[in-house]
C-alpha atoms as a PDB file:
ATOM      1  CA  MET A   1      38.767 -14.078 -16.418  1.00  0.00           C
ATOM      2  CA  GLU A   2      41.677 -12.242 -14.827  1.00  0.00           C
ATOM      3  CA  PRO A   3      42.090  -9.692 -17.698  1.00  0.00           C
ATOM      4  CA  GLN A   4      38.409  -8.639 -17.376  1.00  0.00           C
ATOM      5  CA  THR A   5      38.832  -8.061 -13.661  1.00  0.00           C
ATOM      6  CA  GLU A   6      41.930  -5.919 -14.272  1.00  0.00           C
ATOM      7  CA  ALA A   7      40.194  -3.936 -17.024  1.00  0.00           C
ATOM      8  CA  PHE A   8      37.180  -3.345 -14.787  1.00  0.00           C
ATOM      9  CA  THR A   9      39.433  -2.205 -11.994  1.00  0.00           C
ATOM     10  CA  GLU A  10      41.276   0.177 -14.328  1.00  0.00           C
ATOM     11  CA  LEU A  11      37.937   1.579 -15.492  1.00  0.00           C
ATOM     12  CA  ASP A  12      36.846   2.083 -11.886  1.00  0.00           C
ATOM     13  CA  ILE A  13      40.101   3.867 -11.142  1.00  0.00           C
ATOM     14  CA  HIS A  14      39.738   6.052 -14.239  1.00  0.00           C
ATOM     15  CA  LEU A  15      36.160   7.007 -13.313  1.00  0.00           C
ATOM     16  CA  SER A  16      37.149   7.633  -9.712  1.00  0.00           C
ATOM     17  CA  ILE A  17      40.007   9.909 -10.774  1.00  0.00           C
ATOM     18  CA  GLY A  18      37.709  11.691 -13.213  1.00  0.00           C
ATOM     19  CA  GLN A  19      35.169  12.375 -10.478  1.00  0.00           C
ATOM     20  CA  ALA A  20      37.888  13.535  -8.095  1.00  0.00           C
ATOM     21  CA  ARG A  21      39.175  15.947 -10.752  1.00  0.00           C
ATOM     22  CA  THR A  22      35.664  17.292 -11.230  1.00  0.00           C
ATOM     23  CA  ASP A  23      35.452  17.784  -7.465  1.00  0.00           C
ATOM     24  CA  ILE A  24      38.777  19.664  -7.510  1.00  0.00           C
ATOM     25  CA  ASP A  25      37.576  21.857 -10.388  1.00  0.00           C
ATOM     26  CA  ASP A  26      34.430  22.720  -8.411  1.00  0.00           C
ATOM     27  CA  LEU A  27      36.507  23.502  -5.318  1.00  0.00           C
ATOM     28  CA  ASP A  28      38.865  25.688  -7.364  1.00  0.00           C
ATOM     29  CA  LEU A  29      35.906  27.704  -8.667  1.00  0.00           C
ATOM     30  CA  GLY A  30      34.767  28.208  -5.082  1.00  0.00           C
ATOM     31  CA  ILE A  31      38.252  29.317  -4.047  1.00  0.00           C
ATOM     32  CA  ILE A  32      38.355  31.766  -6.966  1.00  0.00           C
ATOM     33  CA  ARG A  33      34.975  33.190  -5.951  1.00  0.00           C
ATOM     34  CA  LEU A  34      36.164  33.630  -2.354  1.00  0.00           C
ATOM     35  CA  LEU A  35      39.453  35.214  -3.461  1.00  0.00           C
ATOM     36  CA  ARG A  36      37.553  37.724  -5.598  1.00  0.00           C
ATOM     37  CA  MET A  37      35.427  38.625  -2.581  1.00  0.00           C
ATOM     38  CA  ARG A  38      38.540  38.894  -0.405  1.00  0.00           C
ATOM     39  CA  ARG A  39      40.254  41.081  -3.011  1.00  0.00           C
ATOM     40  CA  ALA A  40      37.283  43.476  -3.086  1.00  0.00           C
ATOM     41  CA  VAL A  41      37.394  43.892   0.702  1.00  0.00           C
ATOM     42  CA  SER A  42      41.188  44.224   0.704  1.00  0.00           C
ATOM     43  CA  GLN A  43      41.090  46.874  -2.015  1.00  0.00           C
ATOM     44  CA  ARG A  44      38.479  48.815  -0.041  1.00  0.00           C
ATOM     45  CA  ILE A  45      40.840  48.800   2.966  1.00  0.00           C
ATOM     46  CA  GLN A  46      43.783  49.843   0.788  1.00  0.00           C
ATOM     47  CA  ARG A  47      41.840  52.770  -0.709  1.00  0.00           C
ATOM     48  CA  THR A  48      40.778  53.908   2.762  1.00  0.00           C
ATOM     49  CA  ARG A  49      44.358  53.749   4.047  1.00  0.00           C
ATOM     50  CA  LEU A  50      45.695  55.677   1.039  1.00  0.00           C
ATOM     51  CA  ARG A  51      43.006  58.382   1.397  1.00  0.00           C
ATOM     52  CA  ALA A  52      44.161  58.824   4.993  1.00  0.00           C
ATOM     53  CA  ASP A  53      47.738  59.252   3.700  1.00  0.00           C
ATOM     54  CA  GLY A  54      48.691  55.898   5.186  1.00  0.00           C
ATOM     55  CA  PRO A  55      50.637  53.069   3.603  1.00  0.00           C
ATOM     56  CA  GLN A  56      48.833  50.763   1.197  1.00  0.00           C
ATOM     57  CA  ILE A  57      49.840  47.687   3.175  1.00  0.00           C
ATOM     58  CA  ASP A  58      50.336  46.880   6.842  1.00  0.00           C
ATOM     59  CA  PRO A  59      53.319  44.513   7.216  1.00  0.00           C
ATOM     60  CA  GLY A  60      52.277  43.534  10.752  1.00  0.00           C
ATOM     61  CA  ARG A  61      48.831  42.530   9.529  1.00  0.00           C
ATOM     62  CA  GLU A  62      50.364  40.577   6.655  1.00  0.00           C
ATOM     63  CA  ASP A  63      52.605  38.749   9.131  1.00  0.00           C
ATOM     64  CA  ASP A  64      49.503  37.829  11.155  1.00  0.00           C
ATOM     65  CA  ILE A  65      47.818  36.498   8.018  1.00  0.00           C
ATOM     66  CA  ALA A  66      50.905  34.455   7.090  1.00  0.00           C
ATOM     67  CA  ARG A  67      50.978  33.005  10.603  1.00  0.00           C
ATOM     68  CA  VAL A  68      47.371  31.799  10.225  1.00  0.00           C
ATOM     69  CA  TYR A  69      48.119  30.115   6.894  1.00  0.00           C
ATOM     70  CA  ARG A  70      51.301  28.589   8.330  1.00  0.00           C
ATOM     71  CA  SER A  71      49.302  27.150  11.239  1.00  0.00           C
ATOM     72  CA  HIS A  72      47.036  25.362   8.764  1.00  0.00           C
ATOM     73  CA  PHE A  73      49.516  24.387   6.034  1.00  0.00           C
ATOM     74  CA  GLY A  74      52.888  24.215   7.762  1.00  0.00           C
ATOM     75  CA  ASP A  75      55.866  25.745   5.993  1.00  0.00           C
ATOM     76  CA  SER A  76      53.990  25.958   2.683  1.00  0.00           C
ATOM     77  CA  GLY A  77      51.529  28.292   4.406  1.00  0.00           C
ATOM     78  CA  ASP A  78      53.959  31.157   3.790  1.00  0.00           C
ATOM     79  CA  ASP A  79      53.714  30.540   0.048  1.00  0.00           C
ATOM     80  CA  VAL A  80      49.921  30.291   0.184  1.00  0.00           C
ATOM     81  CA  ALA A  81      49.656  33.504   2.212  1.00  0.00           C
ATOM     82  CA  ALA A  82      52.037  35.337  -0.120  1.00  0.00           C
ATOM     83  CA  ALA A  83      50.006  34.272  -3.162  1.00  0.00           C
ATOM     84  CA  VAL A  84      46.721  35.312  -1.543  1.00  0.00           C
ATOM     85  CA  LEU A  85      48.102  38.668  -0.412  1.00  0.00           C
ATOM     86  CA  ARG A  86      49.650  39.340  -3.822  1.00  0.00           C
ATOM     87  CA  ALA A  87      46.387  38.466  -5.603  1.00  0.00           C
ATOM     88  CA  CYS A  88      44.427  40.814  -3.340  1.00  0.00           C
ATOM     89  CA  ARG A  89      46.547  43.922  -3.765  1.00  0.00           C
ATOM     90  CA  SER A  90      45.399  46.699  -6.087  1.00  0.00           C
END
């Protein structure tokens, strides 16, 4: 009877992992949707700044954004912020 219990447990684990991966896929789609929205707003700001003969980016603002991500993700927050900022530039 032991092998059946192990097989059942392995099946439960497999199904659990499968559901968790589906959850991650759904979350990733939500993140992508939000990043597209963020990019649209960021590009609007960049166009406005360029029309006013200003710089496309504001390093001080980007530092503030990185600080927020760092406060939520620790040291890896810098990498997350850099990826988000890079994805949202024109």
